[in-house]
Amino acid sequence: MRSLSDSEILLKAAVNRIAARIIEKVINSAQEFTEIAEELPQKLQNEWSSFKEEVMEEAERLAKQTNTSEEQSSNEQLSKEDLIQIQIDHLRSKVIDINKDIEGKN
């Protein structure tokens, strides 16, 4: 059996260290994913509850606004649509923030 040359030993050592680092990264990623997976249901539940509350509050606000809308002009109707669009934009922003938070933990 022939012995390995210095360059072969160096190459084998480099390959072994690369493999060890990759395995370490995979293990760490799996642990982080497990932590995220354990936290995610509670976070989603909290966000869903918060979203439902916001929807109910918005529905109440719109209902009050509708009761008085019969007395308002068509120009004021445009401002209602603007308010609705602002609320939609706010909800979209919250969803984007949630996604960024989830992606940031990956």
C-alpha atoms as a PDB file:
ATOM      1  CA  MET A   1       0.000   0.000   0.000  1.00  0.00           C
ATOM      2  CA  ARG A   2       1.461   3.329  -1.020  1.00  0.00           C
ATOM      3  CA  SER A   3       1.483   6.320   1.270  1.00  0.00           C
ATOM      4  CA  LEU A   4      -0.256   9.530   0.361  1.00  0.00           C
ATOM      5  CA  SER A   5       1.765  12.501  -0.837  1.00  0.00           C
ATOM      6  CA  ASP A   6       1.624  15.843   0.965  1.00  0.00           C
ATOM      7  CA  SER A   7      -0.672  17.328  -1.692  1.00  0.00           C
ATOM      8  CA  GLU A   8      -3.017  14.305  -1.525  1.00  0.00           C
ATOM      9  CA  ILE A   9      -3.157  14.587   2.266  1.00  0.00           C
ATOM     10  CA  LEU A  10      -3.856  18.314   2.003  1.00  0.00           C
ATOM     11  CA  LEU A  11      -6.618  17.715  -0.568  1.00  0.00           C
ATOM     12  CA  LYS A  12      -8.184  14.952   1.529  1.00  0.00           C
ATOM     13  CA  ALA A  13      -8.039  17.177   4.641  1.00  0.00           C
ATOM     14  CA  ALA A  14      -9.741  20.022   2.739  1.00  0.00           C
ATOM     15  CA  VAL A  15     -12.498  17.688   1.492  1.00  0.00           C
ATOM     16  CA  ASN A  16     -13.037  16.304   5.000  1.00  0.00           C
ATOM     17  CA  ARG A  17     -13.318  19.821   6.505  1.00  0.00           C
ATOM     18  CA  ILE A  18     -15.711  20.977   3.772  1.00  0.00           C
ATOM     19  CA  ALA A  19     -17.898  17.925   4.379  1.00  0.00           C
ATOM     20  CA  ALA A  20     -17.822  18.541   8.146  1.00  0.00           C
ATOM     21  CA  ARG A  21     -18.830  22.202   7.690  1.00  0.00           C
ATOM     22  CA  ILE A  22     -21.666  21.281   5.342  1.00  0.00           C
ATOM     23  CA  ILE A  23     -22.970  18.688   7.792  1.00  0.00           C
ATOM     24  CA  GLU A  24     -22.737  21.209  10.628  1.00  0.00           C
ATOM     25  CA  LYS A  25     -24.682  23.795   8.591  1.00  0.00           C
ATOM     26  CA  VAL A  26     -27.362  21.228   7.731  1.00  0.00           C
ATOM     27  CA  ILE A  27     -27.724  20.243  11.384  1.00  0.00           C
ATOM     28  CA  ASN A  28     -27.950  23.896  12.486  1.00  0.00           C
ATOM     29  CA  SER A  29     -30.488  24.657   9.764  1.00  0.00           C
ATOM     30  CA  ALA A  30     -32.573  21.656  10.801  1.00  0.00           C
ATOM     31  CA  GLN A  31     -32.525  22.832  14.427  1.00  0.00           C
ATOM     32  CA  GLU A  32     -33.530  26.370  13.430  1.00  0.00           C
ATOM     33  CA  PHE A  33     -36.301  25.007  11.220  1.00  0.00           C
ATOM     34  CA  THR A  34     -37.570  22.879  14.100  1.00  0.00           C
ATOM     35  CA  GLU A  35     -37.667  25.929  16.385  1.00  0.00           C
ATOM     36  CA  ILE A  36     -39.525  27.953  13.759  1.00  0.00           C
ATOM     37  CA  ALA A  37     -41.942  25.099  13.125  1.00  0.00           C
ATOM     38  CA  GLU A  38     -42.685  24.882  16.856  1.00  0.00           C
ATOM     39  CA  GLU A  39     -43.297  28.657  17.164  1.00  0.00           C
ATOM     40  CA  LEU A  40     -45.193  29.096  13.913  1.00  0.00           C
ATOM     41  CA  PRO A  41     -48.607  27.699  14.949  1.00  0.00           C
ATOM     42  CA  GLN A  42     -48.808  30.047  17.941  1.00  0.00           C
ATOM     43  CA  LYS A  43     -47.682  33.047  15.887  1.00  0.00           C
ATOM     44  CA  LEU A  44     -50.193  32.243  13.174  1.00  0.00           C
ATOM     45  CA  GLN A  45     -52.915  31.817  15.799  1.00  0.00           C
ATOM     46  CA  ASN A  46     -52.041  35.190  17.338  1.00  0.00           C
ATOM     47  CA  GLU A  47     -51.978  36.926  13.959  1.00  0.00           C
ATOM     48  CA  TRP A  48     -55.261  35.286  12.935  1.00  0.00           C
ATOM     49  CA  SER A  49     -56.921  36.415  16.182  1.00  0.00           C
ATOM     50  CA  SER A  50     -55.600  39.926  15.722  1.00  0.00           C
ATOM     51  CA  PHE A  51     -56.773  39.976  12.119  1.00  0.00           C
ATOM     52  CA  LYS A  52     -60.273  38.787  13.096  1.00  0.00           C
ATOM     53  CA  GLU A  53     -60.496  41.542  15.725  1.00  0.00           C
ATOM     54  CA  GLU A  54     -59.435  44.150  13.179  1.00  0.00           C
ATOM     55  CA  VAL A  55     -62.007  42.871  10.696  1.00  0.00           C
ATOM     56  CA  MET A  56     -64.758  43.034  13.311  1.00  0.00           C
ATOM     57  CA  GLU A  57     -63.752  46.565  14.308  1.00  0.00           C
ATOM     58  CA  GLU A  58     -63.661  47.597  10.661  1.00  0.00           C
ATOM     59  CA  ALA A  59     -67.058  46.005  10.062  1.00  0.00           C
ATOM     60  CA  GLU A  60     -68.503  47.943  13.000  1.00  0.00           C
ATOM     61  CA  ARG A  61     -66.945  51.152  11.736  1.00  0.00           C
ATOM     62  CA  LEU A  62     -68.309  50.568   8.239  1.00  0.00           C
ATOM     63  CA  ALA A  63     -71.749  49.730   9.634  1.00  0.00           C
ATOM     64  CA  LYS A  64     -71.809  53.027  11.542  1.00  0.00           C
ATOM     65  CA  GLN A  65     -70.588  54.815   8.470  1.00  0.00           C
ATOM     66  CA  THR A  66     -73.270  53.158   6.320  1.00  0.00           C
ATOM     67  CA  ASN A  67     -76.007  54.289   8.696  1.00  0.00           C
ATOM     68  CA  THR A  68     -74.973  57.886   8.215  1.00  0.00           C
ATOM     69  CA  SER A  69     -74.066  57.528   4.532  1.00  0.00           C
ATOM     70  CA  GLU A  70     -77.639  58.054   3.382  1.00  0.00           C
ATOM     71  CA  GLU A  71     -77.182  61.670   4.427  1.00  0.00           C
ATOM     72  CA  GLN A  72     -73.815  62.107   2.690  1.00  0.00           C
ATOM     73  CA  SER A  73     -73.126  63.294  -0.830  1.00  0.00           C
ATOM     74  CA  SER A  74     -71.395  61.302  -3.601  1.00  0.00           C
ATOM     75  CA  ASN A  75     -68.157  63.258  -3.002  1.00  0.00           C
ATOM     76  CA  GLU A  76     -68.045  61.906   0.527  1.00  0.00           C
ATOM     77  CA  GLN A  77     -68.514  58.403  -0.914  1.00  0.00           C
ATOM     78  CA  LEU A  78     -65.105  58.765  -2.560  1.00  0.00           C
ATOM     79  CA  SER A  79     -63.525  59.390   0.819  1.00  0.00           C
ATOM     80  CA  LYS A  80     -65.140  56.190   2.142  1.00  0.00           C
ATOM     81  CA  GLU A  81     -63.532  54.260  -0.691  1.00  0.00           C
ATOM     82  CA  ASP A  82     -60.213  55.887   0.191  1.00  0.00           C
ATOM     83  CA  LEU A  83     -60.605  54.794   3.813  1.00  0.00           C
ATOM     84  CA  ILE A  84     -61.356  51.243   2.711  1.00  0.00           C
ATOM     85  CA  GLN A  85     -58.302  51.258   0.438  1.00  0.00           C
ATOM     86  CA  ILE A  86     -56.149  52.513   3.307  1.00  0.00           C
ATOM     87  CA  GLN A  87     -57.403  49.655   5.485  1.00  0.00           C
ATOM     88  CA  ILE A  88     -56.680  47.144   2.712  1.00  0.00           C
ATOM     89  CA  ASP A  89     -53.163  48.573   2.317  1.00  0.00           C
ATOM     90  CA  HIS A  90     -52.655  48.332   6.088  1.00  0.00           C
ATOM     91  CA  LEU A  91     -53.680  44.668   6.104  1.00  0.00           C
ATOM     92  CA  ARG A  92     -51.409  43.932   3.135  1.00  0.00           C
ATOM     93  CA  SER A  93     -48.535  45.564   4.975  1.00  0.00           C
ATOM     94  CA  LYS A  94     -49.147  43.360   8.015  1.00  0.00           C
ATOM     95  CA  VAL A  95     -49.131  40.224   5.836  1.00  0.00           C
ATOM     96  CA  ILE A  96     -45.842  41.327   4.235  1.00  0.00           C
ATOM     97  CA  ASP A  97     -44.337  41.920   7.697  1.00  0.00           C
ATOM     98  CA  ILE A  98     -45.433  38.455   8.837  1.00  0.00           C
ATOM     99  CA  ASN A  99     -43.883  36.886   5.725  1.00  0.00           C
ATOM    100  CA  LYS A 100     -40.622  38.789   6.268  1.00  0.00           C
ATOM    101  CA  ASP A 101     -40.560  37.664   9.893  1.00  0.00           C
ATOM    102  CA  ILE A 102     -41.057  34.026   8.886  1.00  0.00           C
ATOM    103  CA  GLU A 103     -38.479  34.246   6.070  1.00  0.00           C
ATOM    104  CA  GLY A 104     -36.017  35.984   8.399  1.00  0.00           C
ATOM    105  CA  LYS A 105     -36.017  32.973  10.683  1.00  0.00           C
ATOM    106  CA  ASN A 106     -35.262  30.622   7.808  1.00  0.00           C
END
